[in-house]
Amino acid sequence: MTATAVIPGVGQTGGAAWPVPVPQMRTVAHLNEVTKRYGTVTALDRFSLELRAGEVVALLGPNGAGKTTAVRLLLGLIAPASGTARVLGRDPRDSDARTRIGAMLQISRVPEMLRVREHIDLFRSYYPQPLSAAEVVRLARLEGIEDKLFGKLSGGQKQRTLFALALCGNPDLLFLDEPTVGLDIESRRAMWEQIRALSAAGKTILLTTHYLEEADLLASRVMVINKGRMVCEGTPAKIRQRVSGKRIRCITRLDPAWLRTLPSVSQVEKDREAVVIQAEQAEPVVRELLNRDPELTGLEIASAGLEEAFLALTGEDKK
């Protein structure tokens, strides 16, 4: 069964109080010059990362970049070919380290014929100082579905249950792999609030997500990995600064092929009825658009966001 650990009592009614966060940013986990191969494929190539107390770190990269391998190394599910992995000062495979780690993984498989409450009680039994069942239910917003079979839950309810199981053990370090997939807007925002609360309480969270807005809103630090190597890391603002230019969105009758010929334009894409134009300088492009198409509507201009920076840094074409 996939290891799932969790979160110390949250400082709210019905649960144990969170410990007071330690002010200094101590190292909680790290990979140092790690190489991992699967046959002839190098998944990680002398890859290093550091996670510090109270941080939410977003690990971003295209499919096959090495994100899952990095997480599995920190969980102690695999060992590196070279380099070192440490969690809470120990080998990640050490049992004492594992009881202080929580994980919500997309590859998690839990029995569908157990009820939500039974899953929570089972996972709580794995840990020496678990959260109360009532607190786990409250944190994951599972009120009213505790007695449902896991196999009868909706996709969003299953996702919230997996989040709950990752909280059962009251962990110091929490891995969240695509935690909000399948959630509606309200549930997604509620989970964001809980992630922020965990970070404020001193918990360290490594987040992998394809929702770059989510990384932008939650992460204190972003790491971009591609082909097994770190491309860059820093705050979301610093990552965005790696890409200059503006994003212009509008509804126009002008031919996209012609738009690509305009000075400073680097990319033109269709977005439903509109076009999205990436340009180093927005003002001359917008003037030309308005001159050529007086009926142009829906004009929006924005600075390059985390998504544009990610695509530029990894060389990925937007799907």
Protein backbone atom coordinates (compact mmCIF):
# COMPACT_ATOMS: atom_id res chain seq x y z
CA MET A 1 0.00 0.00 0.00
CA THR A 2 1.28 3.48 -0.81
CA ALA A 3 2.71 5.26 2.20
CA THR A 4 0.55 8.14 3.36
CA ALA A 5 1.47 10.43 6.18
CA VAL A 6 0.17 13.59 7.50
CA ILE A 7 -0.28 16.64 9.41
CA PRO A 8 0.11 17.62 13.00
CA GLY A 9 -2.96 18.73 14.78
CA VAL A 10 -4.28 21.88 13.30
CA GLY A 11 -4.84 24.82 15.58
CA GLN A 12 -8.59 24.79 15.23
CA THR A 13 -11.43 23.46 17.26
CA GLY A 14 -11.71 19.70 17.50
CA GLY A 15 -8.06 18.86 16.96
CA ALA A 16 -4.64 18.97 18.53
CA ALA A 17 -2.93 22.37 18.44
CA TRP A 18 -0.25 22.90 15.82
CA PRO A 19 3.21 23.30 17.26
CA VAL A 20 4.59 26.82 17.12
CA PRO A 21 6.54 27.18 13.85
CA VAL A 22 10.30 27.39 14.21
CA PRO A 23 11.39 30.81 12.97
CA GLN A 24 14.57 29.71 11.19
CA MET A 25 14.25 27.93 7.87
CA ARG A 26 15.87 24.59 8.72
CA THR A 27 16.43 22.01 6.01
CA VAL A 28 13.78 19.28 6.17
CA ALA A 29 14.75 17.21 3.12
CA HIS A 30 17.23 17.27 0.29
CA LEU A 31 18.51 15.46 -2.75
CA ASN A 32 22.19 16.02 -3.41
CA GLU A 33 23.71 15.33 -6.84
CA VAL A 34 21.31 12.43 -7.36
CA THR A 35 21.39 10.31 -10.50
CA LYS A 36 18.72 7.70 -11.17
CA ARG A 37 18.47 5.52 -14.26
CA TYR A 38 15.86 3.08 -15.53
CA GLY A 39 17.76 0.89 -17.95
CA THR A 40 19.21 3.21 -20.58
CA VAL A 41 16.95 6.11 -19.56
CA THR A 42 18.39 8.70 -17.16
CA ALA A 43 15.46 10.02 -15.12
CA LEU A 44 17.57 12.32 -12.92
CA ASP A 45 21.02 13.58 -13.81
CA ARG A 46 23.06 14.96 -10.86
CA PHE A 47 19.87 16.55 -9.58
CA SER A 48 19.75 18.50 -6.30
CA LEU A 49 16.95 20.13 -4.34
CA GLU A 50 16.41 21.37 -0.81
CA LEU A 51 13.14 21.70 1.12
CA ARG A 52 12.97 23.95 4.17
CA ALA A 53 10.57 24.12 7.09
CA GLY A 54 7.30 25.91 6.41
CA GLU A 55 7.81 26.14 2.65
CA VAL A 56 5.37 25.26 -0.09
CA VAL A 57 7.62 24.29 -3.00
CA ALA A 58 6.15 23.63 -6.44
CA LEU A 59 8.09 21.14 -8.55
CA LEU A 60 7.13 21.78 -12.16
CA GLY A 61 8.13 20.06 -15.36
CA PRO A 62 6.70 18.40 -18.47
CA ASN A 63 5.72 14.74 -18.42
CA GLY A 64 8.82 12.58 -18.11
CA ALA A 65 10.93 15.40 -16.68
CA GLY A 66 11.82 13.47 -13.52
CA LYS A 67 9.33 14.88 -11.00
CA THR A 68 7.89 11.51 -9.98
CA THR A 69 11.35 10.00 -9.61
CA ALA A 70 12.41 12.85 -7.32
CA VAL A 71 9.33 12.35 -5.14
CA ARG A 72 9.80 8.57 -5.00
CA LEU A 73 13.41 9.06 -3.87
CA LEU A 74 12.32 11.35 -1.04
CA LEU A 75 9.63 8.86 -0.04
CA GLY A 76 12.21 6.07 0.13
CA LEU A 77 10.36 4.02 -2.50
CA ILE A 78 13.49 3.83 -4.68
CA ALA A 79 17.20 4.43 -4.12
CA PRO A 80 19.52 6.62 -6.22
CA ALA A 81 22.29 5.17 -8.38
CA SER A 82 24.53 7.91 -6.98
CA GLY A 83 24.15 10.92 -4.74
CA THR A 84 22.24 11.14 -1.47
CA ALA A 85 18.64 11.56 -0.32
CA ARG A 86 17.84 12.69 3.22
CA VAL A 87 14.55 13.38 4.97
CA LEU A 88 14.53 14.87 8.46
CA GLY A 89 18.21 14.00 8.75
CA ARG A 90 17.66 10.33 7.93
CA ASP A 91 17.60 7.95 5.03
CA PRO A 92 14.05 8.19 3.59
CA ARG A 93 13.73 4.42 3.97
CA ASP A 94 14.19 4.71 7.74
CA SER A 95 10.96 3.86 9.58
CA ASP A 96 11.26 6.88 11.90
CA ALA A 97 11.45 9.18 8.88
CA ARG A 98 8.48 7.53 7.17
CA THR A 99 6.18 8.10 10.15
CA ARG A 100 6.76 11.83 9.78
CA ILE A 101 5.98 11.97 6.06
CA GLY A 102 2.60 12.30 4.37
CA ALA A 103 1.93 11.61 0.70
CA MET A 104 -0.98 12.08 -1.65
CA LEU A 105 0.01 10.39 -4.90
CA GLN A 106 -1.86 9.95 -8.17
CA ILE A 107 -0.72 6.33 -8.22
CA SER A 108 -2.33 5.65 -4.84
CA ARG A 109 -4.67 2.67 -4.78
CA VAL A 110 -6.98 2.09 -1.84
CA PRO A 111 -9.62 -0.64 -1.43
CA GLU A 112 -12.93 0.48 -2.90
CA MET A 113 -15.04 -1.67 -0.55
CA LEU A 114 -13.95 0.13 2.60
CA ARG A 115 -15.87 3.13 3.87
CA VAL A 116 -14.25 6.54 4.18
CA ARG A 117 -14.30 6.29 7.97
CA GLU A 118 -12.66 2.84 7.84
CA HIS A 119 -9.88 4.11 5.59
CA ILE A 120 -9.18 6.97 7.98
CA ASP A 121 -9.10 4.68 11.02
CA LEU A 122 -6.79 2.27 9.18
CA PHE A 123 -4.30 4.95 8.17
CA ARG A 124 -4.37 6.57 11.60
CA SER A 125 -3.32 3.22 13.09
CA TYR A 126 -0.04 3.37 11.14
CA TYR A 127 1.29 6.39 13.04
CA PRO A 128 2.40 6.97 16.63
CA GLN A 129 0.71 10.36 17.05
CA PRO A 130 -2.10 10.65 14.51
CA LEU A 131 -4.69 13.37 14.23
CA SER A 132 -8.13 12.54 15.57
CA ALA A 133 -10.53 11.07 13.02
CA ALA A 134 -12.87 14.03 13.50
CA GLU A 135 -10.08 16.48 12.72
CA VAL A 136 -9.06 14.58 9.59
CA VAL A 137 -12.67 14.62 8.37
CA ARG A 138 -12.96 18.35 9.03
CA LEU A 139 -9.68 19.27 7.38
CA ALA A 140 -10.50 17.36 4.20
CA ARG A 141 -14.14 18.50 4.14
CA LEU A 142 -15.52 14.97 4.26
CA GLU A 143 -18.47 15.70 6.54
CA GLY A 144 -21.52 13.69 5.51
CA ILE A 145 -19.70 11.07 3.43
CA GLU A 146 -17.79 9.26 6.21
CA ASP A 147 -19.95 6.12 5.83
CA LYS A 148 -19.83 5.93 2.03
CA LEU A 149 -17.85 3.23 0.28
CA PHE A 150 -14.74 4.64 -1.40
CA GLY A 151 -15.76 3.03 -4.67
CA LYS A 152 -19.08 4.91 -4.64
CA LEU A 153 -17.51 8.36 -4.25
CA SER A 154 -17.31 10.95 -7.00
CA GLY A 155 -13.90 11.85 -8.42
CA GLY A 156 -13.66 14.96 -6.27
CA GLN A 157 -14.71 13.09 -3.13
CA LYS A 158 -12.08 10.43 -3.78
CA GLN A 159 -9.46 13.16 -4.16
CA ARG A 160 -10.46 14.74 -0.85
CA THR A 161 -10.33 11.31 0.81
CA LEU A 162 -6.78 10.74 -0.43
CA PHE A 163 -5.89 14.16 0.97
CA ALA A 164 -7.40 13.10 4.30
CA LEU A 165 -5.32 9.91 4.35
CA ALA A 166 -2.22 12.02 3.77
CA LEU A 167 -3.13 14.01 6.87
CA CYS A 168 -3.81 11.11 9.21
CA GLY A 169 -0.29 10.73 10.58
CA ASN A 170 0.33 14.39 11.45
CA PRO A 171 3.46 14.70 9.22
CA ASP A 172 6.26 17.24 9.16
CA LEU A 173 6.73 16.78 5.42
CA LEU A 174 3.84 16.43 3.00
CA PHE A 175 3.97 15.44 -0.68
CA LEU A 176 0.97 16.50 -2.76
CA ASP A 177 0.88 15.18 -6.32
CA GLU A 178 -1.80 16.98 -8.37
CA PRO A 179 -3.95 17.42 -5.23
CA THR A 180 -6.82 19.37 -6.82
CA VAL A 181 -7.44 17.26 -9.92
CA GLY A 182 -11.18 16.63 -10.21
CA LEU A 183 -12.18 19.20 -7.60
CA ASP A 184 -14.77 21.88 -8.22
CA ILE A 185 -13.79 25.52 -7.72
CA GLU A 186 -15.08 25.72 -4.15
CA SER A 187 -13.31 22.52 -3.08
CA ARG A 188 -10.11 23.58 -4.82
CA ARG A 189 -10.02 26.90 -3.02
CA ALA A 190 -10.77 25.17 0.29
CA MET A 191 -7.79 22.86 -0.25
CA TRP A 192 -5.61 25.86 -1.10
CA GLU A 193 -6.60 27.43 2.21
CA GLN A 194 -5.69 24.25 4.07
CA ILE A 195 -2.32 24.01 2.32
CA ARG A 196 -1.57 27.59 3.34
CA ALA A 197 -2.58 26.80 6.94
CA LEU A 198 -0.26 23.81 7.02
CA SER A 199 2.62 25.91 5.74
CA ALA A 200 1.91 28.63 8.32
CA ALA A 201 2.04 25.94 11.01
CA GLY A 202 5.57 25.02 9.97
CA LYS A 203 4.81 22.06 7.72
CA THR A 204 6.88 21.57 4.58
CA ILE A 205 4.93 20.80 1.41
CA LEU A 206 6.24 19.65 -1.96
CA LEU A 207 3.58 20.24 -4.59
CA THR A 208 3.47 18.92 -8.12
CA THR A 209 0.73 20.33 -10.31
CA HIS A 210 -0.17 21.03 -13.93
CA TYR A 211 -2.27 23.99 -12.77
CA LEU A 212 0.34 26.72 -12.98
CA GLU A 213 -2.08 29.20 -11.40
CA GLU A 214 -2.06 26.89 -8.37
CA ALA A 215 1.73 26.94 -8.16
CA ASP A 216 1.73 30.71 -8.55
CA LEU A 217 -0.78 31.20 -5.73
CA LEU A 218 0.60 28.66 -3.25
CA ALA A 219 4.34 28.26 -3.70
CA SER A 220 6.93 30.30 -1.89
CA ARG A 221 9.46 28.74 -4.26
CA VAL A 222 9.18 27.13 -7.68
CA MET A 223 11.56 24.56 -9.14
CA VAL A 224 11.42 23.83 -12.86
CA ILE A 225 12.87 20.47 -13.91
CA ASN A 226 13.34 19.18 -17.45
CA LYS A 227 15.06 16.04 -18.72
CA GLY A 228 16.23 15.16 -15.22
CA ARG A 229 17.96 18.46 -14.53
CA MET A 230 17.02 21.61 -12.66
CA VAL A 231 16.30 24.36 -15.18
CA CYS A 232 15.79 27.13 -12.65
CA GLU A 233 14.36 27.84 -9.22
CA GLY A 234 13.17 30.87 -7.30
CA THR A 235 10.03 32.66 -6.22
CA PRO A 236 7.16 32.67 -8.73
CA ALA A 237 7.94 36.35 -9.41
CA LYS A 238 11.57 35.58 -10.21
CA ILE A 239 10.56 32.72 -12.50
CA ARG A 240 8.19 35.05 -14.38
CA GLN A 241 10.99 37.58 -14.79
CA ARG A 242 12.91 35.02 -16.84
CA VAL A 243 10.48 35.72 -19.67
CA SER A 244 10.05 39.23 -20.97
CA GLY A 245 7.23 40.59 -23.08
CA LYS A 246 3.47 40.85 -23.00
CA ARG A 247 0.48 38.65 -23.69
CA ILE A 248 -2.17 40.21 -25.96
CA ARG A 249 -5.56 38.58 -26.31
CA CYS A 250 -8.25 39.87 -28.65
CA ILE A 251 -11.01 38.92 -31.09
CA THR A 252 -9.97 39.98 -34.58
CA ARG A 253 -10.61 39.12 -38.21
CA LEU A 254 -6.89 39.46 -39.00
CA ASP A 255 -5.06 36.39 -40.27
CA PRO A 256 -2.85 34.72 -37.60
CA ALA A 257 -0.19 34.13 -40.26
CA TRP A 258 -0.02 37.89 -40.87
CA LEU A 259 0.03 38.61 -37.13
CA ARG A 260 3.18 36.50 -36.82
CA THR A 261 4.97 38.89 -39.21
CA LEU A 262 4.54 41.90 -36.92
CA PRO A 263 7.74 43.21 -35.27
CA SER A 264 8.49 41.74 -31.80
CA VAL A 265 5.74 39.08 -32.10
CA SER A 266 7.10 35.68 -31.04
CA GLN A 267 3.98 33.53 -30.95
CA VAL A 268 0.34 33.57 -32.12
CA GLU A 269 -2.22 31.00 -31.02
CA LYS A 270 -5.95 30.54 -31.35
CA ASP A 271 -7.97 30.50 -28.12
CA ARG A 272 -11.56 29.69 -29.08
CA GLU A 273 -12.87 32.79 -30.87
CA ALA A 274 -9.85 34.88 -29.89
CA VAL A 275 -6.13 34.96 -30.68
CA VAL A 276 -3.34 35.17 -28.11
CA ILE A 277 -0.21 37.03 -29.18
CA GLN A 278 3.12 36.98 -27.36
CA ALA A 279 5.12 40.11 -28.10
CA GLU A 280 8.27 41.71 -26.73
CA GLN A 281 6.63 45.14 -27.02
CA ALA A 282 2.85 45.33 -26.81
CA GLU A 283 2.19 48.98 -27.72
CA PRO A 284 3.25 48.99 -31.40
CA VAL A 285 1.51 45.66 -31.95
CA VAL A 286 -1.75 46.93 -30.46
CA ARG A 287 -1.60 50.13 -32.54
CA GLU A 288 -1.17 48.06 -35.70
CA LEU A 289 -4.03 45.75 -34.72
CA LEU A 290 -6.41 48.67 -34.19
CA ASN A 291 -5.32 50.35 -37.43
CA ARG A 292 -5.91 47.18 -39.44
CA ASP A 293 -9.08 46.05 -37.68
CA PRO A 294 -11.34 48.85 -36.36
CA GLU A 295 -13.85 46.18 -35.26
CA LEU A 296 -11.36 44.43 -32.98
CA THR A 297 -12.91 43.59 -29.57
CA GLY A 298 -12.06 41.90 -26.27
CA LEU A 299 -8.59 43.42 -26.07
CA GLU A 300 -6.58 42.26 -23.03
CA ILE A 301 -2.90 42.93 -22.30
CA ALA A 302 -0.98 41.22 -19.50
CA SER A 303 2.60 40.58 -18.48
CA ALA A 304 4.03 37.14 -19.12
CA GLY A 305 2.79 34.73 -16.48
CA LEU A 306 4.18 31.60 -14.88
CA GLU A 307 2.72 29.50 -17.70
CA GLU A 308 4.60 31.44 -20.37
CA ALA A 309 7.79 31.25 -18.31
CA PHE A 310 7.36 27.50 -17.83
CA LEU A 311 6.84 26.90 -21.54
CA ALA A 312 9.85 29.03 -22.44
CA LEU A 313 12.12 27.38 -19.88
CA THR A 314 11.19 23.82 -20.79
CA GLY A 315 10.84 24.36 -24.53
CA GLU A 316 7.38 22.80 -24.42
CA ASP A 317 4.75 23.72 -26.95
CA LYS A 318 1.50 24.66 -25.33
CA LYS A 319 -1.03 21.90 -25.82
